[in-house]
Amino acid sequence: MSDSLFTAFPVELRVEIFLHFCEMYCPIGEATEGPLVLLQVCRSWKELALQTPQLWNSFALVIRPVHGPKKCEFLISAMKEWINRSRNLPLSFKLHYPVFDATCAKLIQTILPASARWRDVALYAPSTSLFPLWEAPANSFPSLRAFRVEAVGHCHFPLADLRFNWAQITDLDLFGIPFSTLDECLQILKGAASLKRCSMHAACILSSNDVERIVLPTLEHFQLTVYGGDNGAVLLGQPEERLLAFLCNLCTPRLISLKIGWSVRRGPLRPYYWSDCHARFVDFLRKSGDHLEALHLECLPFSTPQVLQCLQVVPRLRHVDFSLSQADREHDFIDDELLLALTQQPGCTGLLPRLQSIRLESHGDAFSNPVLLRFIASRWKYQEPHPGWLECVDLVTSNRRAQYRPRRFKDVKDGRLEVSARLKSEFTMLEAIASFLDRDTYGKLICFMNGDFPSDVRPLLVFG
């Protein structure tokens, strides 16, 4: 397109074209991406780009220790220029610098004066570098709507004490080491009634069972991973009791996606399964059963019957993710019993009638390949004469990872094989799955190229 033709467009249309080209979170310091490219085309493009603050109010800055002092100074100076060019617009940015030094401190000092314009913020930095956030005056972040932080290192102040108006935040992702406690998470959630998406990592420490009920009327996606952290303190019951006390006092009438991760070590004299409080977890799921569409359980110490009880109360699930240790054979509930219970019979709905995708990660010895294939075939969206809803399968075991998407196929085995291709038809997916499930070893063959697929699978695929 000639410059004369482009300048004939209305200014508003030219700006929209520039915005579409730059997208979000353009990396600072990359002359071949974002608005920096526009500055190099011609004088009229440069002038328009410099007069369009919307091009500069979103950026990403990654500083690595290998960059050296001069490179770091250049990037910080460039970030300051981006902030100035954005004028008074709200700022959305990602900062990544994992080392605390003079450069890290200067990075925070450069961006903090614009805190009144922070809107969508992601910080990946040492905890020490974030001290100015706690020291900021009240109402320093009036525009903040999304906040994601990953901070590691000794910190004197809990995340709950950040000088934010939690009520205005809609997207929250907190990961800090040392971890926040469940008590601190409750303190945050109590004032965060506008949350739509929330992810928290917390030490399983709860001081009291008398937890105030918290209503989160707009929360749709919630992730919580708990870790051991007794530290010798006298705490409420066992870790699972603390987690359930936390969960059962949350009211989430619009929740559609839930992930619960369990990373609590158990002593030799402690029972492995949640036999005493599993019913409370089922009750917690039942409250969301009419609207929950995605469920991810990570390393929860359940037996197969307990998992099936959970699935019975969430009939609207479309997406399921069960993640267990690939090294643990003894407590692997992803077994034939689970798959048989999920296998649909013709004319019967059974469990999870709307299941569209499933991801299973475990050691892999507890189920047999024929049972797995029978389960997939009973629900496969492209299977005749009784099509189901299932169209995505992700299988991860100790020696293989296989992914199956509509018309896509990928298999990784023994940590050394990674091949992918496009299926000629959705109907051949089951044949590809069966061929690879029946193949226990590739012998001496290492598939470096798509053309090295075994002969029984090759006719099903399109290469190139």
Protein backbone atom coordinates (compact mmCIF):
# COMPACT_ATOMS: atom_id res chain seq x y z
CA MET A 1 0.00 0.00 0.00
CA SER A 2 1.47 3.37 -1.00
CA ASP A 3 1.81 6.10 1.60
CA SER A 4 -0.43 8.43 -0.43
CA LEU A 5 -3.24 5.86 -0.43
CA PHE A 6 -2.81 5.20 3.30
CA THR A 7 -2.95 8.89 4.17
CA ALA A 8 -6.20 9.15 2.23
CA PHE A 9 -7.87 7.02 4.91
CA PRO A 10 -9.48 8.83 7.85
CA VAL A 11 -7.15 9.22 10.83
CA GLU A 12 -9.38 7.01 12.96
CA LEU A 13 -9.07 4.15 10.47
CA ARG A 14 -5.29 4.50 10.26
CA VAL A 15 -5.07 4.40 14.05
CA GLU A 16 -7.21 1.26 14.14
CA ILE A 17 -4.90 -0.40 11.61
CA PHE A 18 -1.88 0.51 13.72
CA LEU A 19 -3.54 -0.82 16.88
CA HIS A 20 -4.42 -4.08 15.17
CA PHE A 21 -0.83 -4.46 14.02
CA CYS A 22 0.72 -3.76 17.42
CA GLU A 23 -1.66 -5.89 19.52
CA MET A 24 -1.04 -6.13 23.31
CA TYR A 25 2.15 -6.28 25.37
CA CYS A 26 4.65 -5.35 22.69
CA PRO A 27 8.18 -6.14 23.92
CA ILE A 28 10.28 -3.09 24.69
CA GLY A 29 13.66 -3.09 23.00
CA GLU A 30 12.55 -5.13 19.97
CA ALA A 31 12.88 -2.87 16.93
CA THR A 32 11.12 -5.41 14.72
CA GLU A 33 7.88 -5.52 16.73
CA GLY A 34 5.12 -3.16 17.76
CA PRO A 35 5.08 0.60 17.29
CA LEU A 36 8.86 0.75 16.93
CA VAL A 37 8.42 -0.76 13.46
CA LEU A 38 5.95 1.96 12.51
CA LEU A 39 8.48 4.65 13.41
CA GLN A 40 10.85 3.30 10.75
CA VAL A 41 8.49 3.22 7.76
CA CYS A 42 8.18 6.88 6.79
CA ARG A 43 7.79 10.33 8.32
CA SER A 44 3.97 10.39 8.21
CA TRP A 45 3.73 6.99 9.90
CA LYS A 46 6.23 8.06 12.53
CA GLU A 47 4.30 11.24 13.29
CA LEU A 48 0.99 9.39 13.55
CA ALA A 49 2.50 6.69 15.79
CA LEU A 50 4.02 9.27 18.13
CA GLN A 51 0.68 11.10 18.32
CA THR A 52 -1.25 7.91 19.18
CA PRO A 53 -0.86 7.17 22.90
CA GLN A 54 -2.92 3.96 22.57
CA LEU A 55 0.08 2.37 20.85
CA TRP A 56 2.27 2.90 23.91
CA ASN A 57 0.08 2.13 26.92
CA SER A 58 0.72 -1.63 26.76
CA PHE A 59 4.16 -3.23 26.87
CA ALA A 60 6.27 -6.09 28.17
CA LEU A 61 9.78 -5.71 29.54
CA VAL A 62 12.04 -8.69 30.22
CA ILE A 63 15.47 -7.95 31.66
CA ARG A 64 17.96 -10.76 32.04
CA PRO A 65 21.14 -10.62 34.12
CA VAL A 66 23.16 -11.54 31.01
CA HIS A 67 22.13 -8.28 29.37
CA GLY A 68 24.75 -6.29 31.23
CA PRO A 69 24.52 -2.77 32.77
CA LYS A 70 24.40 -0.87 29.46
CA LYS A 71 21.61 -2.98 28.03
CA CYS A 72 19.63 -2.70 31.26
CA GLU A 73 20.00 1.08 31.30
CA PHE A 74 18.83 1.23 27.70
CA LEU A 75 15.73 -0.89 28.41
CA ILE A 76 14.75 1.14 31.47
CA SER A 77 15.19 4.37 29.52
CA ALA A 78 13.10 2.93 26.70
CA MET A 79 10.35 1.96 29.17
CA LYS A 80 10.31 5.50 30.54
CA GLU A 81 9.86 6.80 26.99
CA TRP A 82 6.95 4.39 26.40
CA ILE A 83 5.28 5.62 29.60
CA ASN A 84 5.67 9.25 28.53
CA ARG A 85 4.26 8.53 25.06
CA SER A 86 1.18 6.85 26.57
CA ARG A 87 0.29 10.23 28.13
CA ASN A 88 -2.59 9.81 30.58
CA LEU A 89 -4.02 6.50 29.35
CA PRO A 90 -4.31 3.47 31.66
CA LEU A 91 -1.17 1.28 31.58
CA SER A 92 -1.08 -2.47 31.01
CA PHE A 93 2.32 -4.08 31.31
CA LYS A 94 4.39 -7.11 32.23
CA LEU A 95 7.73 -6.73 34.02
CA HIS A 96 10.12 -9.64 34.43
CA TYR A 97 13.41 -9.32 36.30
CA PRO A 98 14.17 -12.15 38.76
CA VAL A 99 17.31 -10.67 40.40
CA PHE A 100 17.32 -8.03 43.10
CA ASP A 101 20.00 -5.46 42.42
CA ALA A 102 20.33 -1.78 41.57
CA THR A 103 18.77 -2.36 38.16
CA CYS A 104 15.72 -4.05 39.68
CA ALA A 105 15.25 -1.23 42.18
CA LYS A 106 15.52 1.36 39.41
CA LEU A 107 13.00 -0.56 37.31
CA ILE A 108 10.36 -0.35 40.05
CA GLN A 109 11.20 3.29 40.78
CA THR A 110 10.65 4.14 37.11
CA ILE A 111 7.22 2.56 36.84
CA LEU A 112 5.83 3.32 40.32
CA PRO A 113 5.23 7.08 39.76
CA ALA A 114 2.64 6.09 37.15
CA SER A 115 0.77 3.86 39.65
CA ALA A 116 -2.40 5.95 39.29
CA ARG A 117 -2.62 4.64 35.70
CA TRP A 118 -1.85 0.96 36.39
CA ARG A 119 -4.66 -1.15 34.98
CA ASP A 120 -3.52 -4.65 33.99
CA VAL A 121 -0.22 -5.46 35.71
CA ALA A 122 1.98 -8.56 35.91
CA LEU A 123 5.15 -8.46 38.03
CA TYR A 124 7.79 -11.20 38.16
CA ALA A 125 10.45 -9.98 40.53
CA PRO A 126 12.07 -10.64 43.95
CA SER A 127 9.85 -9.84 46.92
CA THR A 128 12.36 -7.29 48.23
CA SER A 129 12.02 -5.20 45.08
CA LEU A 130 8.27 -4.86 45.63
CA PHE A 131 8.51 -3.18 49.04
CA PRO A 132 7.55 0.22 47.51
CA LEU A 133 4.12 -1.22 46.69
CA TRP A 134 3.44 -1.77 50.39
CA GLU A 135 4.77 1.69 51.25
CA ALA A 136 2.64 3.49 48.66
CA PRO A 137 -0.04 5.81 50.05
CA ALA A 138 -3.63 4.67 50.08
CA ASN A 139 -5.52 5.14 46.80
CA SER A 140 -2.27 4.99 44.80
CA PHE A 141 -3.76 2.45 42.36
CA PRO A 142 -7.24 3.76 41.46
CA SER A 143 -7.28 2.24 37.96
CA LEU A 144 -5.98 -1.23 38.84
CA ARG A 145 -8.24 -4.02 37.60
CA ALA A 146 -5.93 -7.01 37.02
CA PHE A 147 -2.90 -7.89 39.14
CA ARG A 148 -0.59 -10.87 38.74
CA VAL A 149 2.52 -11.25 40.85
CA GLU A 150 5.20 -13.92 41.13
CA ALA A 151 7.62 -12.96 43.87
CA VAL A 152 10.21 -15.11 45.63
CA GLY A 153 12.29 -14.25 48.66
CA HIS A 154 12.00 -13.03 52.21
CA CYS A 155 9.15 -10.60 52.62
CA HIS A 156 8.16 -8.75 55.79
CA PHE A 157 4.68 -7.90 54.52
CA PRO A 158 1.94 -10.33 53.45
CA LEU A 159 0.27 -9.85 50.09
CA ALA A 160 -2.99 -9.12 51.88
CA ASP A 161 -1.43 -5.87 53.17
CA LEU A 162 -0.81 -4.43 49.71
CA ARG A 163 -2.29 -0.95 49.44
CA PHE A 164 -4.90 -1.96 46.88
CA ASN A 165 -8.60 -1.44 46.75
CA TRP A 166 -9.36 -5.16 46.39
CA ALA A 167 -13.01 -4.41 45.60
CA GLN A 168 -12.10 -2.99 42.17
CA ILE A 169 -9.92 -5.93 41.03
CA THR A 170 -11.47 -8.41 38.62
CA ASP A 171 -8.44 -10.61 37.79
CA LEU A 172 -6.01 -11.74 40.49
CA ASP A 173 -3.08 -14.16 40.41
CA LEU A 174 -0.92 -14.38 43.55
CA PHE A 175 2.21 -16.49 43.84
CA GLY A 176 4.66 -15.52 46.54
CA ILE A 177 7.30 -17.48 48.44
CA PRO A 178 6.94 -17.70 51.36
CA PHE A 179 3.33 -18.51 50.52
CA SER A 180 0.40 -16.59 51.84
CA THR A 181 -1.69 -18.50 54.38
CA LEU A 182 -5.31 -19.49 53.92
CA ASP A 183 -6.12 -16.83 56.53
CA GLU A 184 -4.48 -14.17 54.37
CA CYS A 185 -6.28 -15.45 51.27
CA LEU A 186 -9.59 -15.11 53.09
CA GLN A 187 -8.65 -11.57 54.07
CA ILE A 188 -8.13 -10.70 50.41
CA LEU A 189 -11.25 -12.47 49.14
CA LYS A 190 -13.38 -10.81 51.79
CA GLY A 191 -12.83 -7.46 50.12
CA ALA A 192 -12.69 -8.64 46.49
CA ALA A 193 -16.36 -8.90 45.56
CA SER A 194 -15.73 -7.99 41.90
CA LEU A 195 -13.39 -10.87 41.09
CA LYS A 196 -14.07 -12.79 37.90
CA ARG A 197 -10.84 -14.79 37.83
CA CYS A 198 -8.62 -15.70 40.77
CA SER A 199 -5.55 -17.90 41.27
CA MET A 200 -3.87 -18.35 44.65
CA HIS A 201 -1.02 -20.39 46.10
CA ALA A 202 -1.28 -20.74 49.87
CA ALA A 203 0.25 -22.46 52.86
CA CYS A 204 -2.39 -24.72 54.42
CA ILE A 205 -2.63 -22.64 57.60
CA LEU A 206 -6.03 -21.66 58.95
CA SER A 207 -6.31 -20.38 62.49
CA SER A 208 -10.00 -21.05 63.09
CA ASN A 209 -12.88 -23.13 61.81
CA ASP A 210 -15.21 -20.21 62.47
CA VAL A 211 -14.73 -18.63 59.05
CA GLU A 212 -16.95 -15.79 57.95
CA ARG A 213 -18.97 -16.67 54.86
CA ILE A 214 -17.64 -14.85 51.81
CA VAL A 215 -19.82 -14.19 48.76
CA LEU A 216 -18.05 -13.79 45.40
CA PRO A 217 -20.99 -13.07 43.09
CA THR A 218 -19.03 -12.62 39.84
CA LEU A 219 -16.24 -15.19 40.28
CA GLU A 220 -16.10 -17.55 37.28
CA HIS A 221 -12.60 -19.08 37.42
CA PHE A 222 -10.92 -20.08 40.68
CA GLN A 223 -7.60 -21.86 41.23
CA LEU A 224 -6.17 -22.73 44.62
CA THR A 225 -3.01 -24.73 45.31
CA VAL A 226 -2.20 -25.45 48.96
CA TYR A 227 1.14 -26.39 50.44
CA GLY A 228 2.26 -27.77 53.80
CA GLY A 229 3.19 -25.12 56.33
CA ASP A 230 2.40 -26.07 59.91
CA ASN A 231 5.66 -24.61 61.25
CA GLY A 232 4.97 -26.21 64.61
CA ALA A 233 1.97 -23.99 65.29
CA VAL A 234 -1.20 -25.27 66.95
CA LEU A 235 -3.67 -25.25 64.09
CA LEU A 236 -7.16 -26.36 63.25
CA GLY A 237 -7.31 -30.13 62.63
CA GLN A 238 -5.59 -31.84 59.73
CA PRO A 239 -4.58 -30.02 56.52
CA GLU A 240 -7.57 -31.36 54.59
CA GLU A 241 -9.91 -30.05 57.30
CA ARG A 242 -8.40 -26.59 56.97
CA LEU A 243 -8.78 -26.63 53.20
CA LEU A 244 -12.40 -27.75 53.44
CA ALA A 245 -13.16 -25.11 56.09
CA PHE A 246 -11.78 -22.55 53.64
CA LEU A 247 -13.67 -23.82 50.59
CA CYS A 248 -17.00 -24.48 52.23
CA ASN A 249 -17.30 -20.88 53.37
CA LEU A 250 -17.01 -19.51 49.83
CA CYS A 251 -20.22 -18.75 47.97
CA THR A 252 -19.55 -18.71 44.21
CA PRO A 253 -22.90 -18.70 42.36
CA ARG A 254 -21.32 -18.17 38.90
CA LEU A 255 -18.30 -20.45 39.12
CA ILE A 256 -17.63 -22.30 35.85
CA SER A 257 -13.99 -23.39 36.26
CA LEU A 258 -12.33 -24.81 39.38
CA LYS A 259 -8.81 -26.07 40.04
CA ILE A 260 -7.71 -27.46 43.40
CA GLY A 261 -4.08 -28.46 43.83
CA TRP A 262 -2.79 -30.44 46.82
CA SER A 263 0.92 -30.24 47.67
CA VAL A 264 0.92 -31.23 51.33
CA ARG A 265 3.30 -33.94 52.48
CA ARG A 266 1.77 -36.56 54.68
CA GLY A 267 3.51 -38.28 57.56
CA PRO A 268 3.77 -42.08 57.79
CA LEU A 269 1.08 -42.31 60.46
CA ARG A 270 -1.42 -40.10 58.65
CA PRO A 271 -4.17 -41.73 56.55
CA TYR A 272 -3.72 -41.13 52.85
CA TYR A 273 -7.33 -40.73 51.81
CA TRP A 274 -9.68 -37.97 52.92
CA SER A 275 -12.01 -40.52 54.48
CA ASP A 276 -13.33 -38.22 57.22
CA CYS A 277 -14.00 -35.05 55.23
CA HIS A 278 -14.49 -36.19 51.64
CA ALA A 279 -18.26 -35.79 52.01
CA ARG A 280 -17.71 -32.07 52.72
CA PHE A 281 -15.74 -31.73 49.48
CA VAL A 282 -18.57 -33.39 47.58
CA ASP A 283 -21.02 -30.95 49.18
CA PHE A 284 -18.78 -28.07 48.12
CA LEU A 285 -18.84 -29.30 44.50
CA ARG A 286 -22.59 -29.90 44.63
CA LYS A 287 -23.17 -26.17 45.28
CA SER A 288 -21.62 -25.45 41.86
CA GLY A 289 -23.03 -28.51 40.11
CA ASP A 290 -25.56 -26.57 38.04
CA HIS A 291 -22.97 -24.30 36.42
CA LEU A 292 -19.48 -25.84 36.82
CA GLU A 293 -18.02 -26.68 33.38
CA ALA A 294 -14.31 -27.31 34.07
CA LEU A 295 -12.73 -29.24 36.96
CA HIS A 296 -9.02 -29.81 37.60
CA LEU A 297 -7.98 -31.91 40.59
CA GLU A 298 -4.22 -32.00 41.08
CA CYS A 299 -2.68 -34.61 43.41
CA LEU A 300 -5.71 -34.78 45.70
CA PRO A 301 -5.44 -37.99 47.76
CA PHE A 302 -8.67 -39.61 46.61
CA SER A 303 -9.66 -43.17 45.92
CA THR A 304 -11.48 -44.06 42.71
CA PRO A 305 -14.93 -44.30 44.42
CA GLN A 306 -14.36 -40.88 45.95
CA VAL A 307 -13.57 -39.34 42.56
CA LEU A 308 -16.70 -40.90 41.08
CA GLN A 309 -18.77 -39.39 43.91
CA CYS A 310 -17.35 -35.98 42.98
CA LEU A 311 -18.28 -36.42 39.32
CA GLN A 312 -21.83 -37.45 40.13
CA VAL A 313 -22.66 -34.00 41.54
CA VAL A 314 -21.26 -31.96 38.60
CA PRO A 315 -23.21 -33.27 35.58
CA ARG A 316 -22.56 -30.17 33.43
CA LEU A 317 -18.79 -30.64 33.29
CA ARG A 318 -17.29 -30.24 29.82
CA HIS A 319 -13.60 -30.28 30.68
CA VAL A 320 -11.88 -32.62 33.16
CA ASP A 321 -8.23 -32.63 34.25
CA PHE A 322 -6.93 -35.19 36.76
CA SER A 323 -3.22 -34.75 37.55
CA LEU A 324 -1.41 -37.23 39.79
CA SER A 325 2.25 -37.97 40.42
CA GLN A 326 3.80 -39.93 37.56
CA ALA A 327 6.04 -41.66 40.11
CA ASP A 328 3.27 -42.90 42.43
CA ARG A 329 1.89 -46.31 41.49
CA GLU A 330 0.16 -47.08 44.78
CA HIS A 331 -2.28 -44.15 44.89
CA ASP A 332 -3.19 -43.85 41.22
CA PHE A 333 -6.99 -43.50 40.97
CA ILE A 334 -6.86 -43.18 37.17
CA ASP A 335 -7.61 -46.85 36.67
CA ASP A 336 -9.90 -49.24 34.83
CA GLU A 337 -12.67 -48.68 37.38
CA LEU A 338 -12.72 -44.94 36.68
CA LEU A 339 -12.60 -45.36 32.89
CA LEU A 340 -15.29 -48.02 32.87
CA ALA A 341 -17.55 -45.77 34.94
CA LEU A 342 -17.01 -42.98 32.39
CA THR A 343 -17.63 -45.25 29.40
CA GLN A 344 -21.02 -44.49 27.91
CA GLN A 345 -23.40 -47.24 26.88
CA PRO A 346 -25.60 -46.74 23.78
CA GLY A 347 -28.79 -44.96 24.76
CA CYS A 348 -27.52 -44.06 28.25
CA THR A 349 -26.12 -40.74 29.40
CA GLY A 350 -24.16 -41.91 32.46
CA LEU A 351 -21.59 -39.66 34.12
CA LEU A 352 -20.59 -36.36 32.52
CA PRO A 353 -22.81 -36.55 29.44
CA ARG A 354 -21.35 -33.27 28.03
CA LEU A 355 -17.67 -34.19 28.34
CA GLN A 356 -15.69 -32.46 25.55
CA SER A 357 -12.08 -32.75 26.70
CA ILE A 358 -10.17 -34.81 29.23
CA ARG A 359 -6.59 -34.71 30.47
CA LEU A 360 -5.22 -37.60 32.52
CA GLU A 361 -1.78 -37.49 34.13
CA SER A 362 -0.59 -40.39 36.28
CA HIS A 363 1.87 -43.27 36.44
CA GLY A 364 -0.24 -45.10 33.90
CA ASP A 365 -0.05 -48.66 35.23
CA ALA A 366 -3.51 -48.67 36.80
CA PHE A 367 -5.46 -48.75 33.53
CA SER A 368 -5.26 -50.97 30.46
CA ASN A 369 -5.09 -49.67 26.92
CA PRO A 370 -8.23 -51.52 25.71
CA VAL A 371 -10.31 -49.99 28.51
CA LEU A 372 -8.97 -46.50 27.73
CA LEU A 373 -9.73 -46.93 24.04
CA ARG A 374 -13.23 -48.23 24.80
CA PHE A 375 -13.89 -45.14 26.94
CA ILE A 376 -12.71 -42.76 24.20
CA ALA A 377 -14.66 -44.59 21.48
CA SER A 378 -17.88 -44.49 23.52
CA ARG A 379 -17.76 -40.69 23.66
CA TRP A 380 -15.88 -39.72 20.48
CA LYS A 381 -17.61 -36.83 18.72
CA TYR A 382 -16.92 -38.25 15.27
CA GLN A 383 -17.81 -41.85 16.06
CA GLU A 384 -20.79 -43.45 14.31
CA PRO A 385 -23.54 -44.40 14.86
CA HIS A 386 -23.60 -42.96 18.41
CA PRO A 387 -21.50 -39.77 18.43
CA GLY A 388 -20.67 -38.15 21.73
CA TRP A 389 -19.15 -34.82 22.67
CA LEU A 390 -15.52 -35.80 23.30
CA GLU A 391 -13.00 -34.32 20.85
CA CYS A 392 -9.82 -33.61 22.88
CA VAL A 393 -7.75 -36.15 24.81
CA ASP A 394 -4.44 -35.52 26.57
CA LEU A 395 -2.75 -38.55 28.13
CA VAL A 396 0.41 -38.12 30.24
CA THR A 397 2.10 -41.10 31.88
CA SER A 398 5.57 -41.87 33.15
CA ASN A 399 6.86 -42.86 29.70
CA ARG A 400 4.61 -41.16 27.17
CA ARG A 401 2.57 -38.11 26.38
CA ALA A 402 -0.10 -38.24 23.72
CA GLN A 403 -2.35 -35.41 22.58
CA TYR A 404 -5.37 -35.77 20.34
CA ARG A 405 -7.20 -32.73 19.01
CA PRO A 406 -9.64 -32.44 16.13
CA ARG A 407 -7.63 -33.57 13.08
CA ARG A 408 -4.37 -33.20 15.00
CA PHE A 409 -2.15 -35.90 16.46
CA LYS A 410 0.96 -35.64 18.65
CA ASP A 411 2.86 -38.30 20.53
CA VAL A 412 5.89 -38.08 22.83
CA LYS A 413 7.49 -41.26 24.18
CA ASP A 414 10.43 -41.94 26.49
CA GLY A 415 11.30 -38.27 26.54
CA ARG A 416 12.91 -38.46 23.11
CA LEU A 417 10.17 -38.82 20.52
CA GLU A 418 8.06 -35.88 19.47
CA VAL A 419 6.14 -36.15 16.25
CA SER A 420 3.00 -34.50 15.01
CA ALA A 421 0.83 -34.54 11.92
CA ARG A 422 -2.66 -33.75 10.70
CA LEU A 423 -5.23 -36.50 10.38
CA LYS A 424 -6.92 -37.03 7.06
CA SER A 425 -10.24 -37.29 8.83
CA GLU A 426 -11.63 -36.96 12.35
CA PHE A 427 -12.94 -40.48 11.95
CA THR A 428 -9.38 -41.88 11.78
CA MET A 429 -8.50 -40.51 15.20
CA LEU A 430 -9.51 -43.70 17.00
CA GLU A 431 -7.41 -45.76 14.60
CA ALA A 432 -4.37 -43.59 15.30
CA ILE A 433 -4.95 -43.85 19.04
CA ALA A 434 -5.36 -47.64 18.86
CA SER A 435 -2.20 -48.06 16.80
CA PHE A 436 -0.08 -46.15 19.28
CA LEU A 437 -1.66 -47.66 22.40
CA ASP A 438 -0.85 -51.12 21.09
CA ARG A 439 2.74 -50.16 20.39
CA ASP A 440 4.79 -50.70 23.56
CA THR A 441 8.10 -49.71 22.03
CA TYR A 442 9.52 -48.10 18.95
CA GLY A 443 12.53 -50.39 19.05
CA LYS A 444 15.57 -48.63 17.64
CA LEU A 445 13.51 -46.24 15.54
CA ILE A 446 13.66 -42.58 16.56
CA CYS A 447 11.18 -40.45 14.65
CA PHE A 448 13.00 -37.27 13.76
CA MET A 449 10.69 -36.59 10.84
CA ASN A 450 6.96 -36.99 10.25
CA GLY A 451 7.76 -39.47 7.49
CA ASP A 452 9.19 -41.86 10.09
CA PHE A 453 5.77 -42.70 11.51
CA PRO A 454 5.10 -46.45 11.75
CA SER A 455 3.47 -47.91 8.65
CA ASP A 456 0.17 -48.70 10.41
CA VAL A 457 -0.34 -45.03 11.31
CA ARG A 458 1.18 -43.32 8.28
CA PRO A 459 -1.82 -43.85 5.95
CA LEU A 460 -4.04 -41.95 8.41
CA LEU A 461 -1.94 -38.79 8.43
CA VAL A 462 -1.16 -35.81 6.21
CA PHE A 463 2.49 -34.71 6.31
CA GLY A 464 4.14 -31.46 5.41
